[in-house]
Protein backbone atom coordinates (compact mmCIF):
# COMPACT_ATOMS: atom_id res chain seq x y z
CA MET A 1 -33.66 74.79 -44.16
CA LEU A 2 -30.46 74.73 -43.34
CA THR A 3 -28.25 71.66 -42.44
CA GLN A 4 -27.16 72.14 -39.15
CA PHE A 5 -27.96 73.06 -35.55
CA SER A 6 -26.74 77.19 -35.35
CA GLY A 7 -27.47 80.34 -37.16
CA ASP A 8 -30.44 82.57 -37.49
CA GLU A 9 -32.13 80.95 -40.47
CA PHE A 10 -34.46 78.44 -39.81
CA THR A 11 -32.03 75.28 -39.60
CA LEU A 12 -32.79 71.97 -37.50
CA ALA A 13 -33.26 72.94 -34.09
CA SER A 14 -36.28 74.20 -34.98
CA LEU A 15 -36.98 70.60 -35.59
CA GLY A 16 -36.71 69.86 -31.56
CA ASP A 17 -34.62 69.21 -28.71
CA PHE A 18 -31.54 67.22 -29.91
CA PRO A 19 -28.65 65.76 -27.91
CA LYS A 20 -25.14 67.69 -28.66
CA GLU A 21 -23.55 64.85 -29.86
CA VAL A 22 -26.21 64.82 -32.79
CA TYR A 23 -25.14 65.81 -36.73
CA PRO A 24 -26.68 65.34 -39.73
CA VAL A 25 -25.35 62.46 -42.08
CA GLY A 26 -24.81 64.87 -45.10
CA ARG A 27 -26.06 67.58 -45.56
CA LEU A 28 -29.10 69.08 -48.56
CA ASP A 29 -28.15 72.49 -50.27
CA LYS A 30 -30.34 75.32 -49.24
CA ASP A 31 -32.29 74.75 -52.23
CA SER A 32 -32.37 71.30 -52.29
CA GLU A 33 -34.79 68.94 -50.08
CA GLY A 34 -35.44 65.49 -48.68
CA LEU A 35 -34.31 62.84 -46.30
CA LEU A 36 -31.46 63.76 -44.19
CA LEU A 37 -30.57 61.18 -41.12
CA LEU A 38 -29.26 62.72 -37.88
CA THR A 39 -26.78 60.58 -36.05
CA ASP A 40 -24.57 61.03 -32.87
CA ASP A 41 -22.97 57.03 -34.55
CA LYS A 42 -20.12 57.92 -36.03
CA GLY A 43 -18.86 54.81 -37.19
CA LEU A 44 -22.31 55.07 -39.33
CA ASN A 45 -21.47 58.82 -40.55
CA HIS A 46 -17.94 57.14 -41.91
CA GLN A 47 -19.55 54.56 -43.49
CA LEU A 48 -22.18 56.68 -45.47
CA LEU A 49 -19.91 59.80 -46.15
CA ASN A 50 -16.76 57.57 -47.33
CA PRO A 51 -16.28 57.67 -51.06
CA ARG A 52 -15.36 53.95 -50.57
CA PHE A 53 -18.57 53.09 -49.19
CA GLY A 54 -20.76 53.69 -52.31
CA HIS A 55 -24.26 53.44 -51.60
CA GLN A 56 -27.41 54.33 -52.93
CA ARG A 57 -29.29 57.56 -52.96
CA THR A 58 -32.52 58.07 -54.58
CA TYR A 59 -33.41 62.07 -55.68
CA TYR A 60 -36.68 62.88 -57.30
CA VAL A 61 -35.46 66.07 -60.14
CA GLN A 62 -38.19 68.26 -61.81
CA VAL A 63 -36.14 69.54 -64.67
CA GLU A 64 -36.52 71.77 -67.63
CA GLY A 65 -38.04 70.18 -70.47
CA ILE A 66 -38.23 66.17 -71.31
CA PRO A 67 -35.60 64.30 -71.84
CA THR A 68 -34.28 62.62 -74.03
CA PRO A 69 -33.99 58.81 -73.97
CA GLU A 70 -29.85 59.68 -75.02
CA ALA A 71 -29.79 61.96 -72.48
CA LEU A 72 -31.20 59.53 -70.33
CA ALA A 73 -28.22 57.01 -71.26
CA GLN A 74 -25.84 59.72 -70.40
CA LEU A 75 -27.13 60.41 -67.09
CA GLN A 76 -26.85 56.49 -66.94
CA GLN A 77 -23.33 55.94 -68.46
CA GLY A 78 -21.77 58.77 -66.35
CA VAL A 79 -21.08 62.45 -67.15
CA THR A 80 -18.13 64.84 -67.39
CA ILE A 81 -19.48 68.23 -64.45
CA GLN A 82 -16.50 70.18 -62.84
CA VAL A 83 -16.31 69.00 -58.76
CA ASP A 84 -13.69 71.90 -57.43
CA GLY A 85 -12.65 73.37 -60.75
CA LYS A 86 -11.18 69.88 -62.33
CA SER A 87 -13.30 67.85 -64.72
CA TYR A 88 -14.78 64.68 -62.94
CA ARG A 89 -15.94 61.99 -64.53
CA THR A 90 -19.35 60.37 -62.80
CA LYS A 91 -20.14 57.08 -61.35
CA PRO A 92 -22.69 55.09 -63.62
CA ALA A 93 -26.02 55.47 -62.60
CA LEU A 94 -30.16 54.61 -62.11
CA ALA A 95 -31.94 57.28 -64.11
CA LYS A 96 -35.58 57.16 -65.38
CA LEU A 97 -38.55 59.25 -66.32
CA LEU A 98 -41.38 59.26 -63.69
CA ASP A 99 -44.16 59.24 -64.72
CA PRO A 100 -46.53 60.39 -62.84
CA ALA A 101 -44.86 62.84 -61.56
CA PRO A 102 -44.50 62.18 -57.04
CA VAL A 103 -46.52 63.71 -55.14
CA LEU A 104 -44.58 65.89 -52.73
CA PRO A 105 -45.47 69.32 -50.85
CA GLU A 106 -45.27 72.10 -52.17
CA ARG A 107 -42.35 74.28 -52.26
CA ASN A 108 -42.27 77.31 -50.66
CA PRO A 109 -40.71 79.68 -52.13
CA PRO A 110 -42.17 77.18 -55.42
CA ILE A 111 -39.94 76.94 -58.68
CA ARG A 112 -39.66 78.91 -61.35
CA TYR A 113 -42.86 78.51 -63.94
CA ARG A 114 -42.39 79.60 -67.21
CA ALA A 115 -46.01 78.21 -68.92
CA SER A 116 -43.43 77.84 -72.21
CA ILE A 117 -41.16 74.94 -71.32
CA PRO A 118 -42.68 71.75 -70.09
CA ASP A 119 -40.65 70.16 -67.19
CA CYS A 120 -41.05 66.53 -65.85
CA TRP A 121 -39.45 64.12 -63.19
CA LEU A 122 -36.83 61.80 -63.05
CA ALA A 123 -35.38 59.72 -59.70
CA LEU A 124 -32.02 59.72 -60.46
CA THR A 125 -30.63 57.47 -57.98
CA LEU A 126 -26.28 57.65 -57.48
CA ILE A 127 -23.49 55.88 -55.36
CA GLU A 128 -21.57 59.14 -54.54
CA GLY A 129 -22.28 62.50 -53.16
CA LYS A 130 -20.14 64.88 -54.96
CA ASN A 131 -21.38 69.50 -54.12
CA ARG A 132 -24.15 69.54 -56.08
CA GLN A 133 -23.56 66.64 -58.53
CA VAL A 134 -27.52 65.73 -59.20
CA ARG A 135 -27.70 69.86 -60.50
CA LYS A 136 -24.40 69.05 -62.84
CA MET A 137 -24.94 66.02 -63.78
CA THR A 138 -28.75 67.35 -65.13
CA ALA A 139 -27.74 70.45 -66.57
CA ALA A 140 -24.73 68.39 -68.16
CA VAL A 141 -26.68 66.71 -70.49
CA GLY A 142 -29.33 69.84 -71.08
CA PHE A 143 -32.28 69.69 -68.69
CA PRO A 144 -31.48 71.99 -65.73
CA THR A 145 -32.81 70.76 -62.36
CA LEU A 146 -35.82 73.05 -61.38
CA ARG A 147 -36.06 71.58 -57.65
CA LEU A 148 -34.60 68.45 -55.97
CA VAL A 149 -35.98 65.77 -53.47
CA ARG A 150 -33.76 62.91 -51.46
CA PHE A 151 -36.46 60.38 -51.42
CA SER A 152 -34.17 57.69 -50.36
CA MET A 153 -31.09 56.46 -48.87
CA GLU A 154 -31.22 52.80 -49.56
CA LYS A 155 -33.87 51.17 -48.08
CA ILE A 156 -35.05 54.68 -45.54
CA THR A 157 -37.14 56.02 -47.58
CA LEU A 158 -39.40 59.69 -47.18
CA ASP A 159 -42.06 57.30 -47.48
CA GLY A 160 -45.56 57.96 -45.26
CA MET A 161 -43.47 61.07 -44.39
CA GLU A 162 -44.83 64.97 -43.60
CA ALA A 163 -42.57 67.80 -44.32
CA GLY A 164 -40.95 68.68 -41.19
CA GLU A 165 -41.26 65.58 -39.88
CA VAL A 166 -38.73 63.81 -37.60
CA CYS A 167 -38.97 59.96 -36.89
CA GLU A 168 -36.84 58.06 -34.78
CA LEU A 169 -35.91 54.67 -36.45
CA SER A 170 -34.32 51.70 -34.07
CA GLN A 171 -30.99 50.49 -34.38
CA GLU A 172 -31.58 47.14 -36.50
CA LEU A 173 -33.61 49.26 -38.59
CA VAL A 174 -31.40 51.92 -40.06
CA TYR A 175 -27.97 49.21 -40.02
CA ARG A 176 -30.68 46.65 -41.74
CA SER A 177 -32.11 49.13 -44.24
CA LEU A 178 -28.98 50.86 -45.49
CA GLY A 179 -27.27 47.28 -45.59
CA LEU A 180 -24.12 47.80 -43.22
CA THR A 181 -25.61 44.27 -41.63
CA GLY A 182 -22.30 42.67 -39.11
CA PHE A 183 -21.12 46.71 -38.84
CA ALA A 184 -21.40 47.38 -35.02
CA ALA A 185 -24.99 48.87 -33.42
CA PRO A 186 -24.73 52.33 -33.14
CA ARG A 187 -25.30 53.88 -29.30
CA ALA A 188 -28.30 55.71 -30.31
CA GLY A 189 -31.19 56.19 -32.63
CA ILE A 190 -31.34 57.46 -35.89
CA LYS A 191 -34.40 60.04 -36.88
CA LYS A 192 -34.82 61.35 -40.24
CA TYR A 193 -37.26 64.45 -41.24
CA ARG A 194 -37.97 65.77 -44.68
């Protein structure tokens, strides 16, 4: 699904009727899945997208191969990736193997499968969001991303949600879950989908 409301392909408009002022906070590329907040609150959008206000986003990442402790340490310390044609050193992150693998719906289309090469799942928590950053980071340490799912933004998670599900969250819950207490409350609820 494209994270936009218009176009010829499967878009957010297929999830229901939203007011014109509602827009996605951040994006998921066409090969990624997971949590997306939709809102009409420009202040919330600014807080979540401005790099000055780094907030935690956790991704479940299926990678090709089994990362070594050294590769995980590199992800945690930061790696050099290309952003807009320039070298960029990522900020420190949290990285750990997920065992057992997370229970997720089947992906359509499925990821490529090679019987001779093992794969595994990581939880990777970032406080920044450069274009295709997770994919670039895992590739930089030698373990290309096969599947990428944004699982959470701070304390808002996909727990208990089905693929394509939309749920409305109260203003208070969203701000508290994102650690934005003391920030002006939004005018309308926030929706998340998977």
